[in-house]
PDB file of N, CA and C in Angstrom:
ATOM      1  N   UNK A   1      -0.791   1.497   3.269  1.00  0.00           N
ATOM      2  CA  UNK A   1      -0.158   0.589   4.202  1.00  0.00           C
ATOM      3  C   UNK A   1       0.073  -0.757   3.546  1.00  0.00           C
ATOM      4  N   UNK A   2       1.151  -1.382   3.902  1.00  0.00           N
ATOM      5  CA  UNK A   2       1.516  -2.643   3.290  1.00  0.00           C
ATOM      6  C   UNK A   2       0.717  -3.810   3.857  1.00  0.00           C
ATOM      7  N   UNK A   3       0.217  -3.664   5.038  1.00  0.00           N
ATOM      8  CA  UNK A   3      -0.495  -4.776   5.674  1.00  0.00           C
ATOM      9  C   UNK A   3      -1.920  -4.880   5.157  1.00  0.00           C
ATOM     10  N   UNK A   4      -2.341  -6.092   4.842  1.00  0.00           N
ATOM     11  CA  UNK A   4      -3.732  -6.302   4.446  1.00  0.00           C
ATOM     12  C   UNK A   4      -4.606  -6.399   5.677  1.00  0.00           C
ATOM     13  N   UNK A   5      -4.068  -7.011   6.705  1.00  0.00           N
ATOM     14  CA  UNK A   5      -4.787  -7.118   7.972  1.00  0.00           C
ATOM     15  C   UNK A   5      -3.950  -6.473   9.064  1.00  0.00           C
ATOM     16  N   UNK A   6      -4.610  -5.843   9.943  1.00  0.00           N
ATOM     17  CA  UNK A   6      -3.899  -5.245  11.070  1.00  0.00           C
ATOM     18  C   UNK A   6      -4.185  -6.087  12.292  1.00  0.00           C
ATOM     19  N   UNK A   7      -3.112  -6.536  12.923  1.00  0.00           N
ATOM     20  CA  UNK A   7      -3.258  -7.331  14.133  1.00  0.00           C
ATOM     21  C   UNK A   7      -3.061  -6.399  15.317  1.00  0.00           C
ATOM     22  N   UNK A   8      -4.096  -6.217  16.042  1.00  0.00           N
ATOM     23  CA  UNK A   8      -3.997  -5.358  17.200  1.00  0.00           C
ATOM     24  C   UNK A   8      -4.399  -6.170  18.415  1.00  0.00           C
ATOM     25  N   UNK A   9      -3.513  -6.225  19.350  1.00  0.00           N
ATOM     26  CA  UNK A   9      -3.781  -7.014  20.539  1.00  0.00           C
ATOM     27  C   UNK A   9      -3.772  -6.091  21.739  1.00  0.00           C
ATOM     28  N   UNK A  10      -4.875  -6.072  22.438  1.00  0.00           N
ATOM     29  CA  UNK A  10      -4.956  -5.305  23.667  1.00  0.00           C
ATOM     30  C   UNK A  10      -4.966  -6.270  24.830  1.00  0.00           C
ATOM     31  N   UNK A  11      -4.059  -6.076  25.746  1.00  0.00           N
ATOM     32  CA  UNK A  11      -3.968  -6.936  26.913  1.00  0.00           C
ATOM     33  C   UNK A  11      -4.263  -6.072  28.126  1.00  0.00           C
ATOM     34  N   UNK A  12      -5.250  -6.486  28.921  1.00  0.00           N
ATOM     35  CA  UNK A  12      -5.622  -5.678  30.068  1.00  0.00           C
ATOM     36  C   UNK A  12      -4.599  -5.739  31.182  1.00  0.00           C
ATOM     37  N   UNK A  13      -3.796  -6.761  31.203  1.00  0.00           N
ATOM     38  CA  UNK A  13      -2.701  -6.872  32.166  1.00  0.00           C
ATOM     39  C   UNK A  13      -1.469  -7.359  31.418  1.00  0.00           C
ATOM     40  N   UNK A  14      -0.307  -7.067  31.906  1.00  0.00           N
ATOM     41  CA  UNK A  14       0.925  -7.549  31.283  1.00  0.00           C
ATOM     42  C   UNK A  14       1.169  -8.989  31.685  1.00  0.00           C
ATOM     43  N   UNK A  15       1.683  -9.780  30.732  1.00  0.00           N
ATOM     44  CA  UNK A  15       2.043 -11.159  31.042  1.00  0.00           C
ATOM     45  C   UNK A  15       3.276 -11.169  31.932  1.00  0.00           C
ATOM     46  N   UNK A  16       3.265 -12.090  32.866  1.00  0.00           N
ATOM     47  CA  UNK A  16       4.470 -12.287  33.660  1.00  0.00           C
ATOM     48  C   UNK A  16       4.681 -13.776  33.828  1.00  0.00           C
ATOM     49  N   UNK A  17       5.890 -14.158  34.127  1.00  0.00           N
ATOM     50  CA  UNK A  17       6.248 -15.557  34.361  1.00  0.00           C
ATOM     51  C   UNK A  17       5.990 -16.450  33.151  1.00  0.00           C
ATOM     52  N   UNK A  18       6.260 -15.954  31.942  1.00  0.00           N
ATOM     53  CA  UNK A  18       6.096 -16.780  30.748  1.00  0.00           C
ATOM     54  C   UNK A  18       7.343 -17.632  30.558  1.00  0.00           C
ATOM     55  N   UNK A  19       7.131 -18.870  30.126  1.00  0.00           N
ATOM     56  CA  UNK A  19       8.289 -19.725  29.852  1.00  0.00           C
ATOM     57  C   UNK A  19       8.112 -20.375  28.498  1.00  0.00           C
ATOM     58  N   UNK A  20       9.232 -20.759  27.877  1.00  0.00           N
ATOM     59  CA  UNK A  20       9.179 -21.349  26.539  1.00  0.00           C
ATOM     60  C   UNK A  20       8.552 -22.733  26.540  1.00  0.00           C
ATOM     61  N   UNK A  21       8.567 -23.431  27.664  1.00  0.00           N
ATOM     62  CA  UNK A  21       8.015 -24.769  27.733  1.00  0.00           C
ATOM     63  C   UNK A  21       6.529 -24.804  27.993  1.00  0.00           C
ATOM     64  N   UNK A  22       5.904 -23.661  28.104  1.00  0.00           N
ATOM     65  CA  UNK A  22       4.497 -23.582  28.441  1.00  0.00           C
ATOM     66  C   UNK A  22       3.623 -24.054  27.281  1.00  0.00           C
ATOM     67  N   UNK A  23       2.453 -24.611  27.631  1.00  0.00           N
ATOM     68  CA  UNK A  23       1.516 -25.029  26.587  1.00  0.00           C
ATOM     69  C   UNK A  23       0.934 -23.789  25.907  1.00  0.00           C
ATOM     70  N   UNK A  24       0.384 -23.996  24.713  1.00  0.00           N
ATOM     71  CA  UNK A  24      -0.199 -22.891  23.961  1.00  0.00           C
ATOM     72  C   UNK A  24      -1.632 -23.212  23.597  1.00  0.00           C
ATOM     73  N   UNK A  25      -2.459 -22.158  23.570  1.00  0.00           N
ATOM     74  CA  UNK A  25      -3.848 -22.278  23.148  1.00  0.00           C
ATOM     75  C   UNK A  25      -3.968 -21.619  21.778  1.00  0.00           C
ATOM     76  N   UNK A  26      -4.196 -22.410  20.708  1.00  0.00           N
ATOM     77  CA  UNK A  26      -4.312 -21.809  19.374  1.00  0.00           C
ATOM     78  C   UNK A  26      -5.740 -21.338  19.069  1.00  0.00           C
ATOM     79  N   UNK A  27      -5.862 -20.178  18.448  1.00  0.00           N
ATOM     80  CA  UNK A  27      -7.156 -19.638  18.032  1.00  0.00           C
ATOM     81  C   UNK A  27      -7.000 -19.060  16.640  1.00  0.00           C
ATOM     82  N   UNK A  28      -7.967 -19.306  15.779  1.00  0.00           N
ATOM     83  CA  UNK A  28      -7.967 -18.763  14.422  1.00  0.00           C
ATOM     84  C   UNK A  28      -9.015 -17.657  14.360  1.00  0.00           C
ATOM     85  N   UNK A  29      -8.570 -16.440  14.092  1.00  0.00           N
ATOM     86  CA  UNK A  29      -9.464 -15.279  14.014  1.00  0.00           C
ATOM     87  C   UNK A  29      -9.263 -14.640  12.651  1.00  0.00           C
ATOM     88  N   UNK A  30     -10.322 -14.607  11.845  1.00  0.00           N
ATOM     89  CA  UNK A  30     -10.250 -14.050  10.487  1.00  0.00           C
ATOM     90  C   UNK A  30      -9.053 -14.587   9.716  1.00  0.00           C
ATOM     91  N   UNK A  31      -8.854 -15.889   9.792  1.00  0.00           N
ATOM     92  CA  UNK A  31      -7.785 -16.601   9.105  1.00  0.00           C
ATOM     93  C   UNK A  31      -6.376 -16.236   9.581  1.00  0.00           C
ATOM     94  N   UNK A  32      -6.263 -15.665  10.761  1.00  0.00           N
ATOM     95  CA  UNK A  32      -4.966 -15.371  11.378  1.00  0.00           C
ATOM     96  C   UNK A  32      -4.840 -16.246  12.616  1.00  0.00           C
ATOM     97  N   UNK A  33      -3.735 -16.974  12.732  1.00  0.00           N
ATOM     98  CA  UNK A  33      -3.520 -17.869  13.855  1.00  0.00           C
ATOM     99  C   UNK A  33      -2.863 -17.143  15.020  1.00  0.00           C
ATOM    100  N   UNK A  34      -3.454 -17.288  16.199  1.00  0.00           N
ATOM    101  CA  UNK A  34      -2.896 -16.752  17.432  1.00  0.00           C
ATOM    102  C   UNK A  34      -2.646 -17.930  18.362  1.00  0.00           C
ATOM    103  N   UNK A  35      -1.431 -18.033  18.878  1.00  0.00           N
ATOM    104  CA  UNK A  35      -1.096 -19.068  19.848  1.00  0.00           C
ATOM    105  C   UNK A  35      -0.768 -18.376  21.166  1.00  0.00           C
ATOM    106  N   UNK A  36      -1.704 -18.451  22.082  1.00  0.00           N
ATOM    107  CA  UNK A  36      -1.547 -17.792  23.368  1.00  0.00           C
ATOM    108  C   UNK A  36      -0.889 -18.743  24.357  1.00  0.00           C
ATOM    109  N   UNK A  37       0.107 -18.272  25.087  1.00  0.00           N
ATOM    110  CA  UNK A  37       0.780 -19.153  26.050  1.00  0.00           C
ATOM    111  C   UNK A  37      -0.133 -19.479  27.226  1.00  0.00           C
ATOM    112  N   UNK A  38      -0.170 -20.746  27.609  1.00  0.00           N
ATOM    113  CA  UNK A  38      -1.019 -21.167  28.718  1.00  0.00           C
ATOM    114  C   UNK A  38      -2.391 -21.613  28.241  1.00  0.00           C
ATOM    115  N   UNK A  39      -3.311 -21.728  29.187  1.00  0.00           N
ATOM    116  CA  UNK A  39      -4.671 -22.191  28.873  1.00  0.00           C
ATOM    117  C   UNK A  39      -5.631 -20.999  28.832  1.00  0.00           C
ATOM    118  N   UNK A  40      -6.136 -20.723  27.639  1.00  0.00           N
ATOM    119  CA  UNK A  40      -7.065 -19.625  27.418  1.00  0.00           C
ATOM    120  C   UNK A  40      -8.396 -20.163  26.925  1.00  0.00           C
ATOM    121  N   UNK A  41      -9.464 -19.486  27.294  1.00  0.00           N
ATOM    122  CA  UNK A  41     -10.807 -19.871  26.874  1.00  0.00           C
ATOM    123  C   UNK A  41     -11.453 -18.680  26.170  1.00  0.00           C
ATOM    124  N   UNK A  42     -12.069 -18.957  25.019  1.00  0.00           N
ATOM    125  CA  UNK A  42     -12.816 -17.919  24.303  1.00  0.00           C
ATOM    126  C   UNK A  42     -14.082 -17.643  25.104  1.00  0.00           C
ATOM    127  N   UNK A  43     -14.281 -16.392  25.522  1.00  0.00           N
ATOM    128  CA  UNK A  43     -15.434 -16.067  26.369  1.00  0.00           C
ATOM    129  C   UNK A  43     -16.464 -15.203  25.660  1.00  0.00           C
ATOM    130  N   UNK A  44     -16.180 -14.804  24.429  1.00  0.00           N
ATOM    131  CA  UNK A  44     -17.187 -14.043  23.700  1.00  0.00           C
ATOM    132  C   UNK A  44     -16.578 -13.115  22.666  1.00  0.00           C
ATOM    133  N   UNK A  45     -17.479 -12.399  21.997  1.00  0.00           N
ATOM    134  CA  UNK A  45     -17.076 -11.443  20.975  1.00  0.00           C
ATOM    135  C   UNK A  45     -17.851 -10.153  21.193  1.00  0.00           C
ATOM    136  N   UNK A  46     -17.155  -9.036  21.118  1.00  0.00           N
ATOM    137  CA  UNK A  46     -17.803  -7.738  21.245  1.00  0.00           C
ATOM    138  C   UNK A  46     -18.094  -7.255  19.828  1.00  0.00           C
ATOM    139  N   UNK A  47     -19.344  -7.336  19.433  1.00  0.00           N
ATOM    140  CA  UNK A  47     -19.729  -7.034  18.055  1.00  0.00           C
ATOM    141  C   UNK A  47     -19.410  -5.598  17.647  1.00  0.00           C
ATOM    142  N   UNK A  48     -19.653  -4.621  18.542  1.00  0.00           N
ATOM    143  CA  UNK A  48     -19.442  -3.207  18.202  1.00  0.00           C
ATOM    144  C   UNK A  48     -18.008  -2.913  17.789  1.00  0.00           C
ATOM    145  N   UNK A  49     -17.060  -3.604  18.403  1.00  0.00           N
ATOM    146  CA  UNK A  49     -15.658  -3.318  18.113  1.00  0.00           C
ATOM    147  C   UNK A  49     -14.949  -4.492  17.440  1.00  0.00           C
ATOM    148  N   UNK A  50     -15.691  -5.526  17.078  1.00  0.00           N
ATOM    149  CA  UNK A  50     -15.143  -6.707  16.392  1.00  0.00           C
ATOM    150  C   UNK A  50     -13.957  -7.306  17.141  1.00  0.00           C
ATOM    151  N   UNK A  51     -14.108  -7.425  18.444  1.00  0.00           N
ATOM    152  CA  UNK A  51     -13.035  -7.974  19.261  1.00  0.00           C
ATOM    153  C   UNK A  51     -13.452  -9.320  19.833  1.00  0.00           C
ATOM    154  N   UNK A  52     -12.495 -10.246  19.845  1.00  0.00           N
ATOM    155  CA  UNK A  52     -12.712 -11.552  20.454  1.00  0.00           C
ATOM    156  C   UNK A  52     -12.122 -11.505  21.852  1.00  0.00           C
ATOM    157  N   UNK A  53     -12.861 -11.984  22.823  1.00  0.00           N
ATOM    158  CA  UNK A  53     -12.421 -11.927  24.219  1.00  0.00           C
ATOM    159  C   UNK A  53     -11.993 -13.310  24.697  1.00  0.00           C
ATOM    160  N   UNK A  54     -10.895 -13.342  25.434  1.00  0.00           N
ATOM    161  CA  UNK A  54     -10.353 -14.581  25.980  1.00  0.00           C
ATOM    162  C   UNK A  54     -10.035 -14.378  27.451  1.00  0.00           C
ATOM    163  N   UNK A  55     -10.094 -15.465  28.210  1.00  0.00           N
ATOM    164  CA  UNK A  55      -9.778 -15.397  29.636  1.00  0.00           C
ATOM    165  C   UNK A  55      -8.835 -16.532  30.005  1.00  0.00           C
ATOM    166  N   UNK A  56      -7.936 -16.232  30.927  1.00  0.00           N
ATOM    167  CA  UNK A  56      -7.044 -17.218  31.502  1.00  0.00           C
ATOM    168  C   UNK A  56      -7.349 -17.233  32.991  1.00  0.00           C
ATOM    169  N   UNK A  57      -8.089 -18.268  33.421  1.00  0.00           N
ATOM    170  CA  UNK A  57      -8.537 -18.354  34.813  1.00  0.00           C
ATOM    171  C   UNK A  57      -7.374 -18.372  35.791  1.00  0.00           C
ATOM    172  N   UNK A  58      -6.376 -19.179  35.492  1.00  0.00           N
ATOM    173  CA  UNK A  58      -5.248 -19.352  36.400  1.00  0.00           C
ATOM    174  C   UNK A  58      -4.519 -18.029  36.645  1.00  0.00           C
ATOM    175  N   UNK A  59      -4.265 -17.290  35.587  1.00  0.00           N
ATOM    176  CA  UNK A  59      -3.537 -16.021  35.702  1.00  0.00           C
ATOM    177  C   UNK A  59      -4.447 -14.835  35.987  1.00  0.00           C
ATOM    178  N   UNK A  60      -5.763 -15.064  35.933  1.00  0.00           N
ATOM    179  CA  UNK A  60      -6.751 -13.992  36.129  1.00  0.00           C
ATOM    180  C   UNK A  60      -6.523 -12.846  35.146  1.00  0.00           C
ATOM    181  N   UNK A  61      -6.378 -13.236  33.863  1.00  0.00           N
ATOM    182  CA  UNK A  61      -6.139 -12.263  32.800  1.00  0.00           C
ATOM    183  C   UNK A  61      -7.283 -12.280  31.802  1.00  0.00           C
ATOM    184  N   UNK A  62      -7.529 -11.135  31.202  1.00  0.00           N
ATOM    185  CA  UNK A  62      -8.483 -11.006  30.111  1.00  0.00           C
ATOM    186  C   UNK A  62      -7.738 -10.413  28.930  1.00  0.00           C
ATOM    187  N   UNK A  63      -8.043 -10.904  27.740  1.00  0.00           N
ATOM    188  CA  UNK A  63      -7.349 -10.481  26.528  1.00  0.00           C
ATOM    189  C   UNK A  63      -8.375 -10.218  25.448  1.00  0.00           C
ATOM    190  N   UNK A  64      -8.226  -9.101  24.731  1.00  0.00           N
ATOM    191  CA  UNK A  64      -9.069  -8.787  23.590  1.00  0.00           C
ATOM    192  C   UNK A  64      -8.202  -8.764  22.339  1.00  0.00           C
ATOM    193  N   UNK A  65      -8.663  -9.453  21.296  1.00  0.00           N
ATOM    194  CA  UNK A  65      -7.929  -9.488  20.031  1.00  0.00           C
ATOM    195  C   UNK A  65      -8.858  -8.983  18.927  1.00  0.00           C
ATOM    196  N   UNK A  66      -8.331  -8.079  18.118  1.00  0.00           N
ATOM    197  CA  UNK A  66      -9.081  -7.495  17.020  1.00  0.00           C
ATOM    198  C   UNK A  66      -8.284  -7.721  15.743  1.00  0.00           C
ATOM    199  N   UNK A  67      -8.884  -8.390  14.766  1.00  0.00           N
ATOM    200  CA  UNK A  67      -8.224  -8.629  13.487  1.00  0.00           C
ATOM    201  C   UNK A  67      -9.209  -8.276  12.377  1.00  0.00           C
ATOM    202  N   UNK A  68      -8.889  -7.221  11.656  1.00  0.00           N
ATOM    203  CA  UNK A  68      -9.715  -6.841  10.501  1.00  0.00           C
ATOM    204  C   UNK A  68      -8.922  -5.944   9.574  1.00  0.00           C
ATOM    205  N   UNK A  69      -9.426  -5.759   8.391  1.00  0.00           N
ATOM    206  CA  UNK A  69      -8.747  -4.930   7.397  1.00  0.00           C
ATOM    207  C   UNK A  69      -8.742  -3.478   7.869  1.00  0.00           C
ATOM    208  N   UNK A  70      -7.604  -2.835   7.678  1.00  0.00           N
ATOM    209  CA  UNK A  70      -7.476  -1.450   8.118  1.00  0.00           C
ATOM    210  C   UNK A  70      -8.464  -0.531   7.403  1.00  0.00           C
ATOM    211  N   UNK A  71      -8.821  -0.874   6.175  1.00  0.00           N
ATOM    212  CA  UNK A  71      -9.750  -0.051   5.402  1.00  0.00           C
ATOM    213  C   UNK A  71     -11.137   0.007   6.033  1.00  0.00           C
ATOM    214  N   UNK A  72     -11.450  -0.923   6.925  1.00  0.00           N
ATOM    215  CA  UNK A  72     -12.772  -0.978   7.548  1.00  0.00           C
ATOM    216  C   UNK A  72     -12.942  -0.001   8.714  1.00  0.00           C
ATOM    217  N   UNK A  73     -11.876   0.646   9.120  1.00  0.00           N
ATOM    218  CA  UNK A  73     -11.987   1.602  10.213  1.00  0.00           C
ATOM    219  C   UNK A  73     -12.418   2.953   9.668  1.00  0.00           C
ATOM    220  N   UNK A  74     -13.321   3.611  10.394  1.00  0.00           N
ATOM    221  CA  UNK A  74     -13.863   4.897   9.947  1.00  0.00           C
ATOM    222  C   UNK A  74     -12.792   5.983   9.807  1.00  0.00           C
ATOM    223  N   UNK A  75     -11.708   5.874  10.514  1.00  0.00           N
ATOM    224  CA  UNK A  75     -10.649   6.882  10.496  1.00  0.00           C
ATOM    225  C   UNK A  75      -9.498   6.507   9.556  1.00  0.00           C
ATOM    226  N   UNK A  76      -9.657   5.431   8.798  1.00  0.00           N
ATOM    227  CA  UNK A  76      -8.593   4.976   7.896  1.00  0.00           C
ATOM    228  C   UNK A  76      -8.284   6.031   6.838  1.00  0.00           C
ATOM    229  N   UNK A  77      -6.995   6.197   6.573  1.00  0.00           N
ATOM    230  CA  UNK A  77      -6.513   7.076   5.518  1.00  0.00           C
ATOM    231  C   UNK A  77      -5.250   6.425   4.968  1.00  0.00           C
ATOM    232  N   UNK A  78      -5.202   6.187   3.672  1.00  0.00           N
ATOM    233  CA  UNK A  78      -4.062   5.477   3.081  1.00  0.00           C
ATOM    234  C   UNK A  78      -2.744   6.239   3.238  1.00  0.00           C
ATOM    235  N   UNK A  79      -2.808   7.520   3.566  1.00  0.00           N
ATOM    236  CA  UNK A  79      -1.602   8.322   3.754  1.00  0.00           C
ATOM    237  C   UNK A  79      -0.972   8.129   5.141  1.00  0.00           C
ATOM    238  N   UNK A  80      -1.680   7.487   6.048  1.00  0.00           N
ATOM    239  CA  UNK A  80      -1.162   7.299   7.410  1.00  0.00           C
ATOM    240  C   UNK A  80      -0.076   6.231   7.445  1.00  0.00           C
ATOM    241  N   UNK A  81       0.950   6.486   8.233  1.00  0.00           N
ATOM    242  CA  UNK A  81       1.946   5.437   8.478  1.00  0.00           C
ATOM    243  C   UNK A  81       1.316   4.428   9.436  1.00  0.00           C
ATOM    244  N   UNK A  82       1.944   3.272   9.602  1.00  0.00           N
ATOM    245  CA  UNK A  82       1.417   2.276  10.529  1.00  0.00           C
ATOM    246  C   UNK A  82       1.342   2.835  11.946  1.00  0.00           C
ATOM    247  N   UNK A  83       2.375   3.571  12.348  1.00  0.00           N
ATOM    248  CA  UNK A  83       2.386   4.163  13.685  1.00  0.00           C
ATOM    249  C   UNK A  83       1.252   5.171  13.846  1.00  0.00           C
ATOM    250  N   UNK A  84       1.046   6.017  12.831  1.00  0.00           N
ATOM    251  CA  UNK A  84      -0.040   7.004  12.887  1.00  0.00           C
ATOM    252  C   UNK A  84      -1.397   6.310  12.958  1.00  0.00           C
ATOM    253  N   UNK A  85      -1.540   5.225  12.196  1.00  0.00           N
ATOM    254  CA  UNK A  85      -2.794   4.475  12.242  1.00  0.00           C
ATOM    255  C   UNK A  85      -3.022   3.901  13.639  1.00  0.00           C
ATOM    256  N   UNK A  86      -1.988   3.299  14.212  1.00  0.00           N
ATOM    257  CA  UNK A  86      -2.124   2.725  15.551  1.00  0.00           C
ATOM    258  C   UNK A  86      -2.450   3.784  16.596  1.00  0.00           C
ATOM    259  N   UNK A  87      -1.886   4.967  16.439  1.00  0.00           N
ATOM    260  CA  UNK A  87      -2.202   6.063  17.350  1.00  0.00           C
ATOM    261  C   UNK A  87      -3.679   6.435  17.246  1.00  0.00           C
ATOM    262  N   UNK A  88      -4.169   6.545  16.016  1.00  0.00           N
ATOM    263  CA  UNK A  88      -5.591   6.844  15.814  1.00  0.00           C
ATOM    264  C   UNK A  88      -6.468   5.719  16.350  1.00  0.00           C
ATOM    265  N   UNK A  89      -6.029   4.473  16.162  1.00  0.00           N
ATOM    266  CA  UNK A  89      -6.788   3.346  16.689  1.00  0.00           C
ATOM    267  C   UNK A  89      -6.866   3.421  18.212  1.00  0.00           C
ATOM    268  N   UNK A  90      -5.747   3.716  18.841  1.00  0.00           N
ATOM    269  CA  UNK A  90      -5.713   3.806  20.295  1.00  0.00           C
ATOM    270  C   UNK A  90      -6.708   4.858  20.787  1.00  0.00           C
ATOM    271  N   UNK A  91      -6.737   6.020  20.147  1.00  0.00           N
ATOM    272  CA  UNK A  91      -7.677   7.070  20.536  1.00  0.00           C
ATOM    273  C   UNK A  91      -9.117   6.633  20.309  1.00  0.00           C
ATOM    274  N   UNK A  92      -9.376   5.995  19.184  1.00  0.00           N
ATOM    275  CA  UNK A  92     -10.714   5.493  18.869  1.00  0.00           C
ATOM    276  C   UNK A  92     -11.161   4.459  19.908  1.00  0.00           C
ATOM    277  N   UNK A  93     -10.273   3.548  20.237  1.00  0.00           N
ATOM    278  CA  UNK A  93     -10.566   2.499  21.213  1.00  0.00           C
ATOM    279  C   UNK A  93     -10.823   3.095  22.598  1.00  0.00           C
ATOM    280  N   UNK A  94     -10.016   4.069  22.986  1.00  0.00           N
ATOM    281  CA  UNK A  94     -10.188   4.724  24.285  1.00  0.00           C
ATOM    282  C   UNK A  94     -11.548   5.397  24.368  1.00  0.00           C
ATOM    283  N   UNK A  95     -11.925   6.115  23.319  1.00  0.00           N
ATOM    284  CA  UNK A  95     -13.230   6.777  23.285  1.00  0.00           C
ATOM    285  C   UNK A  95     -14.367   5.764  23.360  1.00  0.00           C
ATOM    286  N   UNK A  96     -14.220   4.647  22.669  1.00  0.00           N
ATOM    287  CA  UNK A  96     -15.244   3.596  22.694  1.00  0.00           C
ATOM    288  C   UNK A  96     -15.480   3.110  24.123  1.00  0.00           C
ATOM    289  N   UNK A  97     -14.383   2.785  24.832  1.00  0.00           N
ATOM    290  CA  UNK A  97     -14.529   2.256  26.193  1.00  0.00           C
ATOM    291  C   UNK A  97     -15.002   3.316  27.168  1.00  0.00           C
ATOM    292  N   UNK A  98     -14.647   4.577  26.948  1.00  0.00           N
ATOM    293  CA  UNK A  98     -15.166   5.649  27.789  1.00  0.00           C
ATOM    294  C   UNK A  98     -16.679   5.749  27.643  1.00  0.00           C
ATOM    295  N   UNK A  99     -17.176   5.666  26.407  1.00  0.00           N
ATOM    296  CA  UNK A  99     -18.620   5.696  26.169  1.00  0.00           C
ATOM    297  C   UNK A  99     -19.311   4.512  26.806  1.00  0.00           C
ATOM    298  N   UNK A 100     -18.705   3.338  26.682  1.00  0.00           N
ATOM    299  CA  UNK A 100     -19.294   2.115  27.268  1.00  0.00           C
ATOM    300  C   UNK A 100     -19.376   2.244  28.790  1.00  0.00           C
ATOM    301  N   UNK A 101     -18.344   2.804  29.396  1.00  0.00           N
ATOM    302  CA  UNK A 101     -18.324   2.972  30.856  1.00  0.00           C
ATOM    303  C   UNK A 101     -19.397   3.954  31.292  1.00  0.00           C
ATOM    304  N   UNK A 102     -19.553   5.063  30.566  1.00  0.00           N
ATOM    305  CA  UNK A 102     -20.568   6.046  30.911  1.00  0.00           C
ATOM    306  C   UNK A 102     -21.978   5.481  30.761  1.00  0.00           C
ATOM    307  N   UNK A 103     -22.190   4.641  29.770  1.00  0.00           N
ATOM    308  CA  UNK A 103     -23.504   4.030  29.555  1.00  0.00           C
ATOM    309  C   UNK A 103     -23.889   3.094  30.708  1.00  0.00           C
ATOM    310  N   UNK A 104     -22.915   2.484  31.310  1.00  0.00           N
ATOM    311  CA  UNK A 104     -23.180   1.535  32.409  1.00  0.00           C
ATOM    312  C   UNK A 104     -23.434   2.237  33.735  1.00  0.00           C
ATOM    313  N   UNK A 105     -22.979   3.475  33.866  1.00  0.00           N
ATOM    314  CA  UNK A 105     -23.138   4.205  35.136  1.00  0.00           C
ATOM    315  C   UNK A 105     -24.410   4.997  35.178  1.00  0.00           C
TER     316      UNK A 105
END
């Protein structure tokens, strides 16, 4: 893969009512700059999945951002296309959250 870092952004809800004049909240994660529209607050980090969590009180949104080298994922294979890698990531992420949900119940 050509990318040294994979930027994967999971949004629990879709953004709506975004405008170009809106303020931005900048965050630096693993030397990658993210400018989120509106007012966001860093609320923590999930160590198991290396995700940074953010919340927007006004919009009642939660956002998880994961930035790390693709080689660090257990399912990484240099033969995978970016799309194939993202598909595997999605499955891995889904399984992770399913396990977390079962542990809480």
